[in-house]
Structures are given as structure tokens and as C-alpha cells.
Amino acid sequence: MAVTHAEIQQVGQLVRQHAEHFERLLTEIRRVIVGQEQLLRKMLVGLLADGHILLEGVPGLAKTTAVACLARAIRTRFQRIQFTPDLLPADIVGTLVFQPKDGSFAVKKGPIFANLVLADEINRAPAKVQSALLEAMQERQVTIGEQTFPLDRPFMVLATQNPIEQEGTYPLPEAQVDRFMLKLLVDYPSRDEERLILDRMAPQRGIPHVGEVLDPQQVFAAREVLDEIYIDDKVKDYIVALVHATRAPREFGLGIGDWIEYGASPRASIYLARGATAMAFLAGRGYVTPQDVKDIAPDVLRHRVIISYEAEAEEKTSDHVVQHVLDHVPVP
């Protein structure tokens, strides 16, 4: 069904009304977090698109603080789970507790029953524990004993992993990593940003507190607006072409076939469309542009493209592959 220019403009006005709330949210979080603009914006993309996020970066880059600030600012319950080698699935989802008085079992819910869950150093826990968390992410529900409990909405998992220390870790299998909508690489702040951090975190001043800016109902309302944002068929074709180029690069005349072991899954197409729509929303537009797709593509694709031994030998990463695809697939 064709969409008229007037209808797109009408959606654009609605988007701008709701996007103002999220700009205020960003402003509030910036009172605590210095720099890391891409991290903050992409966290909002995940929140709007109802997707989970994997954060990769060395310790001390404010990943935990950013997640806690986001939870506080949207008036939701926040839980941080420190993943360790001795963690059990019951430590995450909950368990049945025996009641000696009447011989019954009572359900004790685990920390997964929150709105924003930070899985700190997810690769430090064994596969069984990782699976318990990722099952909750996929199904949005948890089974304890014979009872199944739906998880509260909004429900979002932000998991962190340290890229430099691999001793004593259990790397996430590709099938499990694929359940994360985005994989964000968190980098060091610039010199000016680090100087500002020193000033802002001065002991005599105290660390600024984040106020409540949004409530969950406003998040749900924004998600409904997201569904109204227009994606042209040419942009949809572009999304499919990008994903297909990671599976069959030779069809697109890309000489990187030897770099790719496995291409991106169909989830990549879905999340590219959702992510690009969220980017358009944050920009206050009622329509998606190819640039929206290009801006979110590295975060959607980098953990879904599995590179080959040949690529590793040439010191190429999945980011190199994704950038090559973005540079050479024709933009509509």
C-alpha cells in the first residue's frame, strides 16, 4: 500500500513529539556519563527496538554506570548479576525453596525478574548458566519447577565481556551471541573527556545523581510510534542485500569470500530494519534512510559474521568484512 508524503509528514510530527522525551533522557544521563555518545544512543536504540545488547570493552569505561543510569532515568527495576565460574542457573532464574512447616515448596524468584538486567562479564560463567540467561532473553519467560512466569516489560539484557582477558572464560557460542540485537564496542574517552571526568568526579562535589525522566508507559508508546515509521521498499531491499552479501559475497563482486566462514543470520535483517527505524526515530524523522541502515549495520552485523582462518591470518576482523560490504553494496 502506497504511503503519501502527507502521511509521512504526519508520522514525522508524532515522532518528534515522542523523540523529545528521549533527548531529555540522554541529557539526564550525560550529567553522569562523560562522552560515550555512541554507547548511549545505541542503548536507546536497543530499548526502543526491544532488543538486547552485548557490550565489549576493557574495565573502567562506565558500562555498568551507563546501564544503571538508564534504568534509573526510566523508572525501572535494575539488577546487576556478576557472572563467575561457580554461578548456577538457579542463581539467575530462581529456584524452589522447601518449607519445613507444611512440606511444600515455595518459588523464590531470581535477579532475572527485573526490567534492565546487567550481566557483568557474561563469558566468565559456564555454558549452562549462559543458556539460562539467553533462554529468558529469547522466550521472555522463566520456568521454575512446573510454573512458568512471564518477565516484566520492558525487559532488556545488557551483557558485558572483557576482550583482553581470556583466562578462565567460557566464550559465548555463535548461536547464543546471535540473540543479542547489537554488539557495541566501548572505547576509551578522549583526552578532553577524561579531563572532564576528573572535574566531574571530584570527591568534594560528589557524583551527580540521575533523575527520573521517563516511565515505562512512555517507552511503550514510543515503540508503537516506531511501527508507524515508513521504510521504503528500496531500503528494505538494501537491508536484504547487505545481509545476503555476507553470505554470498561473490554474487556482489566482493573479493572477500575467503574471509567469511559463515554469513549473518535472518535475525540480522530483522534487527537491521528495527535498528534503522529506531535511528530514524531518534533523529525525529518519520521515514528511514539508507544512512540509518549504514549507521546501525556494524553493531548488528559484527557478531553475526564469522570470519575464516584465512582472515585471521591476514589480521582481518568481522568489522573489516562489514565495512567492505557497506562500502561496495550499492546504496539506493
C-alpha atoms as a PDB file:
ATOM      1  CA  MET A   1       0.000   0.000   0.000  1.00  0.00           C
ATOM      2  CA  ALA A   2       1.421   3.355  -1.082  1.00  0.00           C
ATOM      3  CA  VAL A   3       2.099   5.935   1.602  1.00  0.00           C
ATOM      4  CA  THR A   4       1.609   9.592   0.752  1.00  0.00           C
ATOM      5  CA  HIS A   5       4.011  12.407   1.549  1.00  0.00           C
ATOM      6  CA  ALA A   6       1.391  13.966   3.861  1.00  0.00           C
ATOM      7  CA  GLU A   7       1.104  10.715   5.854  1.00  0.00           C
ATOM      8  CA  ILE A   8       4.892  10.549   6.288  1.00  0.00           C
ATOM      9  CA  GLN A   9       4.917  14.159   7.481  1.00  0.00           C
ATOM     10  CA  GLN A  10       2.151  13.374   9.958  1.00  0.00           C
ATOM     11  CA  VAL A  11       4.155  10.447  11.321  1.00  0.00           C
ATOM     12  CA  GLY A  12       7.201  12.734  11.485  1.00  0.00           C
ATOM     13  CA  GLN A  13       5.337  15.179  13.739  1.00  0.00           C
ATOM     14  CA  LEU A  14       4.313  12.322  16.026  1.00  0.00           C
ATOM     15  CA  VAL A  15       7.886  11.015  16.089  1.00  0.00           C
ATOM     16  CA  ARG A  16       9.288  14.430  17.038  1.00  0.00           C
ATOM     17  CA  GLN A  17       6.848  14.721  19.944  1.00  0.00           C
ATOM     18  CA  HIS A  18       7.982  11.388  21.398  1.00  0.00           C
ATOM     19  CA  ALA A  19      11.661  11.797  20.469  1.00  0.00           C
ATOM     20  CA  GLU A  20      11.848  14.909  22.675  1.00  0.00           C
ATOM     21  CA  HIS A  21      11.369  12.697  25.737  1.00  0.00           C
ATOM     22  CA  PHE A  22      14.363  10.576  24.711  1.00  0.00           C
ATOM     23  CA  GLU A  23      16.526  13.633  24.112  1.00  0.00           C
ATOM     24  CA  ARG A  24      15.735  14.686  27.685  1.00  0.00           C
ATOM     25  CA  LEU A  25      16.663  11.169  28.762  1.00  0.00           C
ATOM     26  CA  LEU A  26      20.044  11.463  27.025  1.00  0.00           C
ATOM     27  CA  THR A  27      20.634  14.880  28.580  1.00  0.00           C
ATOM     28  CA  GLU A  28      19.932  13.494  32.039  1.00  0.00           C
ATOM     29  CA  ILE A  29      22.304  10.540  31.594  1.00  0.00           C
ATOM     30  CA  ARG A  30      25.023  12.886  30.280  1.00  0.00           C
ATOM     31  CA  ARG A  31      25.017  14.545  33.710  1.00  0.00           C
ATOM     32  CA  VAL A  32      26.837  11.428  34.931  1.00  0.00           C
ATOM     33  CA  ILE A  33      28.377   9.851  31.824  1.00  0.00           C
ATOM     34  CA  VAL A  34      31.020  11.899  30.008  1.00  0.00           C
ATOM     35  CA  GLY A  35      31.413  11.157  26.306  1.00  0.00           C
ATOM     36  CA  GLN A  36      30.448   7.636  25.134  1.00  0.00           C
ATOM     37  CA  GLU A  37      27.824   9.233  22.890  1.00  0.00           C
ATOM     38  CA  GLN A  38      27.585   6.212  20.605  1.00  0.00           C
ATOM     39  CA  LEU A  39      27.105   3.876  23.572  1.00  0.00           C
ATOM     40  CA  LEU A  40      24.281   5.998  25.000  1.00  0.00           C
ATOM     41  CA  ARG A  41      22.466   6.409  21.668  1.00  0.00           C
ATOM     42  CA  LYS A  42      22.755   2.730  20.765  1.00  0.00           C
ATOM     43  CA  MET A  43      21.449   1.775  24.225  1.00  0.00           C
ATOM     44  CA  LEU A  44      18.332   3.804  23.402  1.00  0.00           C
ATOM     45  CA  VAL A  45      18.120   2.025  20.033  1.00  0.00           C
ATOM     46  CA  GLY A  46      18.064  -1.303  21.880  1.00  0.00           C
ATOM     47  CA  LEU A  47      15.442  -0.010  24.323  1.00  0.00           C
ATOM     48  CA  LEU A  48      13.195   1.315  21.527  1.00  0.00           C
ATOM     49  CA  ALA A  49      13.599  -1.774  19.338  1.00  0.00           C
ATOM     50  CA  ASP A  50      13.087  -4.165  22.281  1.00  0.00           C
ATOM     51  CA  GLY A  51      16.455  -5.848  21.733  1.00  0.00           C
ATOM     52  CA  HIS A  52      19.320  -6.978  23.951  1.00  0.00           C
ATOM     53  CA  ILE A  53      22.849  -5.578  23.817  1.00  0.00           C
ATOM     54  CA  LEU A  54      26.314  -7.080  24.218  1.00  0.00           C
ATOM     55  CA  LEU A  55      28.922  -4.550  25.389  1.00  0.00           C
ATOM     56  CA  GLU A  56      32.591  -5.270  24.815  1.00  0.00           C
ATOM     57  CA  GLY A  57      35.278  -3.094  26.359  1.00  0.00           C
ATOM     58  CA  VAL A  58      38.062  -3.049  28.908  1.00  0.00           C
ATOM     59  CA  PRO A  59      37.142  -2.419  32.561  1.00  0.00           C
ATOM     60  CA  GLY A  60      36.543   1.105  33.803  1.00  0.00           C
ATOM     61  CA  LEU A  61      34.739   2.582  30.781  1.00  0.00           C
ATOM     62  CA  ALA A  62      31.442   3.288  32.636  1.00  0.00           C
ATOM     63  CA  LYS A  63      29.494   0.409  31.061  1.00  0.00           C
ATOM     64  CA  THR A  64      27.853  -0.562  34.369  1.00  0.00           C
ATOM     65  CA  THR A  65      27.241   3.071  35.323  1.00  0.00           C
ATOM     66  CA  ALA A  66      25.610   3.843  31.966  1.00  0.00           C
ATOM     67  CA  VAL A  67      23.185   0.911  32.311  1.00  0.00           C
ATOM     68  CA  ALA A  68      22.341   1.830  35.915  1.00  0.00           C
ATOM     69  CA  CYS A  69      21.718   5.466  34.887  1.00  0.00           C
ATOM     70  CA  LEU A  70      19.411   4.367  32.061  1.00  0.00           C
ATOM     71  CA  ALA A  71      17.378   2.161  34.436  1.00  0.00           C
ATOM     72  CA  ARG A  72      17.075   4.953  36.990  1.00  0.00           C
ATOM     73  CA  ALA A  73      16.085   7.562  34.407  1.00  0.00           C
ATOM     74  CA  ILE A  74      13.206   5.473  33.014  1.00  0.00           C
ATOM     75  CA  ARG A  75      11.914   4.428  36.456  1.00  0.00           C
ATOM     76  CA  THR A  76      12.523   0.711  36.062  1.00  0.00           C
ATOM     77  CA  ARG A  77      13.991  -2.018  38.245  1.00  0.00           C
ATOM     78  CA  PHE A  78      17.690  -2.674  37.669  1.00  0.00           C
ATOM     79  CA  GLN A  79      19.642  -5.800  38.593  1.00  0.00           C
ATOM     80  CA  ARG A  80      23.336  -6.427  38.169  1.00  0.00           C
ATOM     81  CA  ILE A  81      24.485 -10.052  38.058  1.00  0.00           C
ATOM     82  CA  GLN A  82      28.203 -10.695  38.400  1.00  0.00           C
ATOM     83  CA  PHE A  83      28.955 -13.794  36.344  1.00  0.00           C
ATOM     84  CA  THR A  84      31.540 -16.110  37.931  1.00  0.00           C
ATOM     85  CA  PRO A  85      32.653 -19.707  37.212  1.00  0.00           C
ATOM     86  CA  ASP A  86      30.739 -21.050  40.257  1.00  0.00           C
ATOM     87  CA  LEU A  87      27.401 -19.447  39.292  1.00  0.00           C
ATOM     88  CA  LEU A  88      24.411 -21.795  38.860  1.00  0.00           C
ATOM     89  CA  PRO A  89      21.329 -21.342  36.656  1.00  0.00           C
ATOM     90  CA  ALA A  90      19.178 -21.125  39.804  1.00  0.00           C
ATOM     91  CA  ASP A  91      21.244 -18.115  40.898  1.00  0.00           C
ATOM     92  CA  ILE A  92      19.826 -16.266  37.880  1.00  0.00           C
ATOM     93  CA  VAL A  93      16.283 -17.512  37.285  1.00  0.00           C
ATOM     94  CA  GLY A  94      15.375 -18.620  40.822  1.00  0.00           C
ATOM     95  CA  THR A  95      14.563 -21.904  42.491  1.00  0.00           C
ATOM     96  CA  LEU A  96      12.104 -23.839  44.662  1.00  0.00           C
ATOM     97  CA  VAL A  97      12.640 -23.491  48.412  1.00  0.00           C
ATOM     98  CA  PHE A  98      11.411 -26.235  50.764  1.00  0.00           C
ATOM     99  CA  GLN A  99       9.029 -25.093  53.519  1.00  0.00           C
ATOM    100  CA  PRO A 100       9.505 -27.402  56.553  1.00  0.00           C
ATOM    101  CA  LYS A 101       6.235 -26.325  58.234  1.00  0.00           C
ATOM    102  CA  ASP A 102       3.911 -27.842  55.676  1.00  0.00           C
ATOM    103  CA  GLY A 103       6.321 -29.783  53.461  1.00  0.00           C
ATOM    104  CA  SER A 104       5.607 -27.618  50.412  1.00  0.00           C
ATOM    105  CA  PHE A 105       7.900 -25.779  48.013  1.00  0.00           C
ATOM    106  CA  ALA A 106       7.795 -22.014  47.535  1.00  0.00           C
ATOM    107  CA  VAL A 107       9.119 -20.211  44.476  1.00  0.00           C
ATOM    108  CA  LYS A 108      12.000 -17.841  45.090  1.00  0.00           C
ATOM    109  CA  LYS A 109      12.481 -15.662  42.019  1.00  0.00           C
ATOM    110  CA  GLY A 110      15.994 -14.788  40.879  1.00  0.00           C
ATOM    111  CA  PRO A 111      17.500 -11.470  39.773  1.00  0.00           C
ATOM    112  CA  ILE A 112      16.379 -12.045  36.179  1.00  0.00           C
ATOM    113  CA  PHE A 113      12.983 -10.697  37.307  1.00  0.00           C
ATOM    114  CA  ALA A 114      13.872  -7.078  36.661  1.00  0.00           C
ATOM    115  CA  ASN A 115      13.422  -4.643  33.769  1.00  0.00           C
ATOM    116  CA  LEU A 116      17.054  -3.900  32.957  1.00  0.00           C
ATOM    117  CA  VAL A 117      19.488  -6.703  33.741  1.00  0.00           C
ATOM    118  CA  LEU A 118      23.234  -6.183  33.541  1.00  0.00           C
ATOM    119  CA  ALA A 119      25.058  -9.487  33.024  1.00  0.00           C
ATOM    120  CA  ASP A 120      28.560  -8.431  34.021  1.00  0.00           C
ATOM    121  CA  GLU A 121      31.352 -10.460  32.372  1.00  0.00           C
ATOM    122  CA  ILE A 122      28.918 -12.967  30.892  1.00  0.00           C
ATOM    123  CA  ASN A 123      31.777 -15.052  29.459  1.00  0.00           C
ATOM    124  CA  ARG A 124      33.031 -15.900  32.981  1.00  0.00           C
ATOM    125  CA  ALA A 125      30.140 -18.311  33.638  1.00  0.00           C
ATOM    126  CA  PRO A 126      29.779 -21.853  32.202  1.00  0.00           C
ATOM    127  CA  ALA A 127      27.581 -22.626  29.203  1.00  0.00           C
ATOM    128  CA  LYS A 128      24.657 -23.895  31.331  1.00  0.00           C
ATOM    129  CA  VAL A 129      24.395 -20.538  33.123  1.00  0.00           C
ATOM    130  CA  GLN A 130      24.749 -18.568  29.898  1.00  0.00           C
ATOM    131  CA  SER A 131      21.962 -20.687  28.379  1.00  0.00           C
ATOM    132  CA  ALA A 132      19.636 -19.971  31.327  1.00  0.00           C
ATOM    133  CA  LEU A 133      20.022 -16.242  30.750  1.00  0.00           C
ATOM    134  CA  LEU A 134      19.772 -16.418  26.967  1.00  0.00           C
ATOM    135  CA  GLU A 135      16.639 -18.607  27.151  1.00  0.00           C
ATOM    136  CA  ALA A 136      14.967 -15.934  29.263  1.00  0.00           C
ATOM    137  CA  MET A 137      16.077 -13.334  26.711  1.00  0.00           C
ATOM    138  CA  GLN A 138      14.550 -15.260  23.821  1.00  0.00           C
ATOM    139  CA  GLU A 139      11.332 -16.540  25.397  1.00  0.00           C
ATOM    140  CA  ARG A 140      10.738 -13.557  27.745  1.00  0.00           C
ATOM    141  CA  GLN A 141       9.670 -16.063  30.369  1.00  0.00           C
ATOM    142  CA  VAL A 142      11.200 -18.316  33.027  1.00  0.00           C
ATOM    143  CA  THR A 143      10.158 -21.778  34.206  1.00  0.00           C
ATOM    144  CA  ILE A 144      10.805 -22.676  37.858  1.00  0.00           C
ATOM    145  CA  GLY A 145       9.686 -26.199  38.746  1.00  0.00           C
ATOM    146  CA  GLU A 146       6.368 -26.674  36.984  1.00  0.00           C
ATOM    147  CA  GLN A 147       5.414 -23.000  36.897  1.00  0.00           C
ATOM    148  CA  THR A 148       6.157 -20.561  34.080  1.00  0.00           C
ATOM    149  CA  PHE A 149       6.466 -16.865  34.877  1.00  0.00           C
ATOM    150  CA  PRO A 150       6.404 -14.121  32.224  1.00  0.00           C
ATOM    151  CA  LEU A 151       9.109 -11.486  32.667  1.00  0.00           C
ATOM    152  CA  ASP A 152       8.091  -7.885  33.294  1.00  0.00           C
ATOM    153  CA  ARG A 153       8.092  -5.430  30.412  1.00  0.00           C
ATOM    154  CA  PRO A 154      10.205  -3.684  29.397  1.00  0.00           C
ATOM    155  CA  PHE A 155      12.806  -6.442  29.674  1.00  0.00           C
ATOM    156  CA  MET A 156      16.287  -5.801  28.383  1.00  0.00           C
ATOM    157  CA  VAL A 157      19.577  -7.599  28.992  1.00  0.00           C
ATOM    158  CA  LEU A 158      22.854  -5.746  28.632  1.00  0.00           C
ATOM    159  CA  ALA A 159      25.790  -8.138  28.899  1.00  0.00           C
ATOM    160  CA  THR A 160      29.444  -7.147  29.157  1.00  0.00           C
ATOM    161  CA  GLN A 161      32.592  -9.010  28.283  1.00  0.00           C
ATOM    162  CA  ASN A 162      36.255  -8.100  28.571  1.00  0.00           C
ATOM    163  CA  PRO A 163      38.115  -8.526  25.242  1.00  0.00           C
ATOM    164  CA  ILE A 164      41.648  -8.590  26.680  1.00  0.00           C
ATOM    165  CA  GLU A 165      41.489 -11.184  29.441  1.00  0.00           C
ATOM    166  CA  GLN A 166      40.511 -14.632  28.178  1.00  0.00           C
ATOM    167  CA  GLU A 167      41.928 -16.768  31.005  1.00  0.00           C
ATOM    168  CA  GLY A 168      39.173 -18.581  32.877  1.00  0.00           C
ATOM    169  CA  THR A 169      36.420 -17.567  30.441  1.00  0.00           C
ATOM    170  CA  TYR A 170      33.790 -19.510  28.504  1.00  0.00           C
ATOM    171  CA  PRO A 171      33.320 -17.771  25.130  1.00  0.00           C
ATOM    172  CA  LEU A 172      29.695 -17.371  24.060  1.00  0.00           C
ATOM    173  CA  PRO A 173      28.726 -19.771  21.235  1.00  0.00           C
ATOM    174  CA  GLU A 174      27.763 -18.073  17.970  1.00  0.00           C
ATOM    175  CA  ALA A 175      24.144 -19.271  18.247  1.00  0.00           C
ATOM    176  CA  GLN A 176      23.827 -17.565  21.623  1.00  0.00           C
ATOM    177  CA  VAL A 177      25.615 -14.370  20.591  1.00  0.00           C
ATOM    178  CA  ASP A 178      23.132 -14.139  17.703  1.00  0.00           C
ATOM    179  CA  ARG A 179      20.331 -13.446  20.208  1.00  0.00           C
ATOM    180  CA  PHE A 180      21.817 -10.060  21.019  1.00  0.00           C
ATOM    181  CA  MET A 181      20.433  -7.363  18.759  1.00  0.00           C
ATOM    182  CA  LEU A 182      23.572  -5.219  18.982  1.00  0.00           C
ATOM    183  CA  LYS A 183      27.214  -5.725  19.885  1.00  0.00           C
ATOM    184  CA  LEU A 184      28.748  -2.416  20.903  1.00  0.00           C
ATOM    185  CA  LEU A 185      32.475  -1.803  21.196  1.00  0.00           C
ATOM    186  CA  VAL A 186      33.138   0.626  24.060  1.00  0.00           C
ATOM    187  CA  ASP A 187      36.341   2.631  23.607  1.00  0.00           C
ATOM    188  CA  TYR A 188      38.464   4.890  25.799  1.00  0.00           C
ATOM    189  CA  PRO A 189      37.383   8.522  26.274  1.00  0.00           C
ATOM    190  CA  SER A 190      39.297  11.310  24.517  1.00  0.00           C
ATOM    191  CA  ARG A 191      41.792  13.469  26.425  1.00  0.00           C
ATOM    192  CA  ASP A 192      39.287  16.299  26.820  1.00  0.00           C
ATOM    193  CA  GLU A 193      36.582  13.890  28.004  1.00  0.00           C
ATOM    194  CA  GLU A 194      38.929  12.302  30.526  1.00  0.00           C
ATOM    195  CA  ARG A 195      39.843  15.744  31.872  1.00  0.00           C
ATOM    196  CA  LEU A 196      36.136  16.484  32.289  1.00  0.00           C
ATOM    197  CA  ILE A 197      35.684  13.168  34.108  1.00  0.00           C
ATOM    198  CA  LEU A 198      38.315  14.249  36.634  1.00  0.00           C
ATOM    199  CA  ASP A 199      36.483  17.509  37.284  1.00  0.00           C
ATOM    200  CA  ARG A 200      33.046  15.932  37.491  1.00  0.00           C
ATOM    201  CA  MET A 201      34.064  13.110  39.814  1.00  0.00           C
ATOM    202  CA  ALA A 202      35.895  15.372  42.289  1.00  0.00           C
ATOM    203  CA  PRO A 203      35.271  13.929  45.806  1.00  0.00           C
ATOM    204  CA  GLN A 204      34.167  17.232  47.334  1.00  0.00           C
ATOM    205  CA  ARG A 205      31.405  17.644  44.775  1.00  0.00           C
ATOM    206  CA  GLY A 206      30.066  14.125  44.851  1.00  0.00           C
ATOM    207  CA  ILE A 207      28.878  12.105  41.861  1.00  0.00           C
ATOM    208  CA  PRO A 208      25.774  13.635  40.171  1.00  0.00           C
ATOM    209  CA  HIS A 209      22.521  11.713  40.515  1.00  0.00           C
ATOM    210  CA  VAL A 210      20.215  10.833  37.650  1.00  0.00           C
ATOM    211  CA  GLY A 211      16.598  11.887  37.993  1.00  0.00           C
ATOM    212  CA  GLU A 212      13.530  10.076  36.653  1.00  0.00           C
ATOM    213  CA  VAL A 213      12.762  11.457  33.205  1.00  0.00           C
ATOM    214  CA  LEU A 214      10.558   8.791  31.594  1.00  0.00           C
ATOM    215  CA  ASP A 215       8.302   5.995  32.741  1.00  0.00           C
ATOM    216  CA  PRO A 216       7.811   2.587  31.071  1.00  0.00           C
ATOM    217  CA  GLN A 217       4.464   3.674  29.558  1.00  0.00           C
ATOM    218  CA  GLN A 218       6.256   6.365  27.546  1.00  0.00           C
ATOM    219  CA  VAL A 219       8.683   3.719  26.277  1.00  0.00           C
ATOM    220  CA  PHE A 220       5.775   1.514  25.154  1.00  0.00           C
ATOM    221  CA  ALA A 221       4.120   4.496  23.454  1.00  0.00           C
ATOM    222  CA  ALA A 222       7.361   5.279  21.591  1.00  0.00           C
ATOM    223  CA  ARG A 223       7.573   1.655  20.403  1.00  0.00           C
ATOM    224  CA  GLU A 224       4.082   1.965  18.930  1.00  0.00           C
ATOM    225  CA  VAL A 225       5.170   5.115  17.085  1.00  0.00           C
ATOM    226  CA  LEU A 226       8.191   3.190  15.800  1.00  0.00           C
ATOM    227  CA  ASP A 227       5.837   0.812  13.975  1.00  0.00           C
ATOM    228  CA  GLU A 228       4.387   3.777  12.054  1.00  0.00           C
ATOM    229  CA  ILE A 229       7.755   4.945  10.663  1.00  0.00           C
ATOM    230  CA  TYR A 230       7.914   4.409   6.904  1.00  0.00           C
ATOM    231  CA  ILE A 231      10.515   2.106   5.338  1.00  0.00           C
ATOM    232  CA  ASP A 232      10.583   2.283   1.539  1.00  0.00           C
ATOM    233  CA  ASP A 233      10.803  -0.958  -0.419  1.00  0.00           C
ATOM    234  CA  LYS A 234      14.193   0.139  -1.807  1.00  0.00           C
ATOM    235  CA  VAL A 235      15.537   0.491   1.732  1.00  0.00           C
ATOM    236  CA  LYS A 236      14.178  -2.963   2.606  1.00  0.00           C
ATOM    237  CA  ASP A 237      15.882  -4.380  -0.493  1.00  0.00           C
ATOM    238  CA  TYR A 238      19.112  -2.656   0.595  1.00  0.00           C
ATOM    239  CA  ILE A 239      18.888  -4.296   4.038  1.00  0.00           C
ATOM    240  CA  VAL A 240      18.418  -7.736   2.476  1.00  0.00           C
ATOM    241  CA  ALA A 241      21.274  -7.079   0.031  1.00  0.00           C
ATOM    242  CA  LEU A 242      23.684  -6.193   2.865  1.00  0.00           C
ATOM    243  CA  VAL A 243      22.870  -9.366   4.768  1.00  0.00           C
ATOM    244  CA  HIS A 244      22.957 -11.536   1.647  1.00  0.00           C
ATOM    245  CA  ALA A 245      26.357 -10.064   0.704  1.00  0.00           C
ATOM    246  CA  THR A 246      27.815 -11.519   3.918  1.00  0.00           C
ATOM    247  CA  ARG A 247      26.656 -14.983   2.820  1.00  0.00           C
ATOM    248  CA  ALA A 248      27.389 -14.823  -0.922  1.00  0.00           C
ATOM    249  CA  PRO A 249      29.929 -12.008  -1.442  1.00  0.00           C
ATOM    250  CA  ARG A 250      30.864 -13.231  -4.930  1.00  0.00           C
ATOM    251  CA  GLU A 251      27.330 -12.500  -6.186  1.00  0.00           C
ATOM    252  CA  PHE A 252      28.019  -8.855  -5.411  1.00  0.00           C
ATOM    253  CA  GLY A 253      31.518  -8.861  -6.915  1.00  0.00           C
ATOM    254  CA  LEU A 254      33.166  -8.694  -3.477  1.00  0.00           C
ATOM    255  CA  GLY A 255      36.555 -10.354  -3.260  1.00  0.00           C
ATOM    256  CA  ILE A 256      36.210 -11.281   0.399  1.00  0.00           C
ATOM    257  CA  GLY A 257      34.741 -14.766   0.065  1.00  0.00           C
ATOM    258  CA  ASP A 258      37.842 -16.322   1.660  1.00  0.00           C
ATOM    259  CA  TRP A 259      37.423 -14.101   4.727  1.00  0.00           C
ATOM    260  CA  ILE A 260      33.945 -15.345   5.618  1.00  0.00           C
ATOM    261  CA  GLU A 261      33.215 -18.706   7.235  1.00  0.00           C
ATOM    262  CA  TYR A 262      29.516 -18.032   7.863  1.00  0.00           C
ATOM    263  CA  GLY A 263      27.360 -15.037   6.952  1.00  0.00           C
ATOM    264  CA  ALA A 264      24.750 -13.232   9.010  1.00  0.00           C
ATOM    265  CA  SER A 265      21.525 -14.993  10.017  1.00  0.00           C
ATOM    266  CA  PRO A 266      17.978 -13.852   9.119  1.00  0.00           C
ATOM    267  CA  ARG A 267      17.852 -12.171  12.540  1.00  0.00           C
ATOM    268  CA  ALA A 268      20.304  -9.649  11.066  1.00  0.00           C
ATOM    269  CA  SER A 269      17.733  -8.458   8.507  1.00  0.00           C
ATOM    270  CA  ILE A 270      15.056  -8.092  11.187  1.00  0.00           C
ATOM    271  CA  TYR A 271      17.340  -6.202  13.568  1.00  0.00           C
ATOM    272  CA  LEU A 272      18.752  -4.008  10.793  1.00  0.00           C
ATOM    273  CA  ALA A 273      15.214  -2.854   9.973  1.00  0.00           C
ATOM    274  CA  ARG A 274      14.318  -2.344  13.642  1.00  0.00           C
ATOM    275  CA  GLY A 275      17.586  -0.611  14.433  1.00  0.00           C
ATOM    276  CA  ALA A 276      17.371   1.708  11.420  1.00  0.00           C
ATOM    277  CA  THR A 277      13.803   2.603  12.400  1.00  0.00           C
ATOM    278  CA  ALA A 278      14.957   3.463  15.926  1.00  0.00           C
ATOM    279  CA  MET A 279      17.772   5.600  14.476  1.00  0.00           C
ATOM    280  CA  ALA A 280      15.202   7.490  12.377  1.00  0.00           C
ATOM    281  CA  PHE A 281      13.055   7.952  15.497  1.00  0.00           C
ATOM    282  CA  LEU A 282      15.938   9.439  17.497  1.00  0.00           C
ATOM    283  CA  ALA A 283      16.643  11.769  14.567  1.00  0.00           C
ATOM    284  CA  GLY A 284      12.996  12.938  14.659  1.00  0.00           C
ATOM    285  CA  ARG A 285      12.095  11.555  11.203  1.00  0.00           C
ATOM    286  CA  GLY A 286       9.020   9.660  10.060  1.00  0.00           C
ATOM    287  CA  TYR A 287      10.939   7.678   7.456  1.00  0.00           C
ATOM    288  CA  VAL A 288      14.092   5.525   7.282  1.00  0.00           C
ATOM    289  CA  THR A 289      17.047   6.475   5.078  1.00  0.00           C
ATOM    290  CA  PRO A 290      19.839   4.198   3.799  1.00  0.00           C
ATOM    291  CA  GLN A 291      22.204   6.146   6.084  1.00  0.00           C
ATOM    292  CA  ASP A 292      20.190   4.974   9.106  1.00  0.00           C
ATOM    293  CA  VAL A 293      20.856   1.416   7.963  1.00  0.00           C
ATOM    294  CA  LYS A 294      24.582   2.092   7.454  1.00  0.00           C
ATOM    295  CA  ASP A 295      24.872   3.728  10.881  1.00  0.00           C
ATOM    296  CA  ILE A 296      23.459   0.724  12.749  1.00  0.00           C
ATOM    297  CA  ALA A 297      24.821  -2.040  10.440  1.00  0.00           C
ATOM    298  CA  PRO A 298      28.249  -2.545  12.115  1.00  0.00           C
ATOM    299  CA  ASP A 299      26.608  -3.064  15.530  1.00  0.00           C
ATOM    300  CA  VAL A 300      24.058  -5.528  14.120  1.00  0.00           C
ATOM    301  CA  LEU A 301      26.436  -7.486  11.888  1.00  0.00           C
ATOM    302  CA  ARG A 302      29.834  -7.629  13.623  1.00  0.00           C
ATOM    303  CA  HIS A 303      28.878 -10.556  15.898  1.00  0.00           C
ATOM    304  CA  ARG A 304      26.911 -12.363  13.198  1.00  0.00           C
ATOM    305  CA  VAL A 305      29.642 -12.596  10.562  1.00  0.00           C
ATOM    306  CA  ILE A 306      32.024 -15.441  11.411  1.00  0.00           C
ATOM    307  CA  ILE A 307      35.422 -14.919   9.822  1.00  0.00           C
ATOM    308  CA  SER A 308      37.671 -17.690   8.486  1.00  0.00           C
ATOM    309  CA  TYR A 309      41.188 -18.754   9.485  1.00  0.00           C
ATOM    310  CA  GLU A 310      42.462 -17.038   6.336  1.00  0.00           C
ATOM    311  CA  ALA A 311      41.004 -13.740   7.541  1.00  0.00           C
ATOM    312  CA  GLU A 312      42.566 -14.180  10.980  1.00  0.00           C
ATOM    313  CA  ALA A 313      45.923 -14.928   9.343  1.00  0.00           C
ATOM    314  CA  GLU A 314      45.623 -11.638   7.438  1.00  0.00           C
ATOM    315  CA  GLU A 315      44.638  -9.886  10.695  1.00  0.00           C
ATOM    316  CA  LYS A 316      41.163  -9.100   9.394  1.00  0.00           C
ATOM    317  CA  THR A 317      38.176  -8.846  11.740  1.00  0.00           C
ATOM    318  CA  SER A 318      34.431  -9.089  11.200  1.00  0.00           C
ATOM    319  CA  ASP A 319      34.387  -5.270  11.316  1.00  0.00           C
ATOM    320  CA  HIS A 320      36.666  -5.206   8.258  1.00  0.00           C
ATOM    321  CA  VAL A 321      34.258  -7.548   6.445  1.00  0.00           C
ATOM    322  CA  VAL A 322      31.192  -5.496   7.384  1.00  0.00           C
ATOM    323  CA  GLN A 323      32.864  -2.237   6.335  1.00  0.00           C
ATOM    324  CA  HIS A 324      33.871  -3.779   2.995  1.00  0.00           C
ATOM    325  CA  VAL A 325      30.254  -4.842   2.412  1.00  0.00           C
ATOM    326  CA  LEU A 326      28.945  -1.367   3.333  1.00  0.00           C
ATOM    327  CA  ASP A 327      31.467   0.290   1.019  1.00  0.00           C
ATOM    328  CA  HIS A 328      30.664  -1.852  -2.021  1.00  0.00           C
ATOM    329  CA  VAL A 329      26.978  -2.823  -1.926  1.00  0.00           C
ATOM    330  CA  PRO A 330      25.108  -0.171  -3.999  1.00  0.00           C
ATOM    331  CA  VAL A 331      23.108   2.312  -1.910  1.00  0.00           C
ATOM    332  CA  PRO A 332      19.581   3.087  -3.232  1.00  0.00           C
END
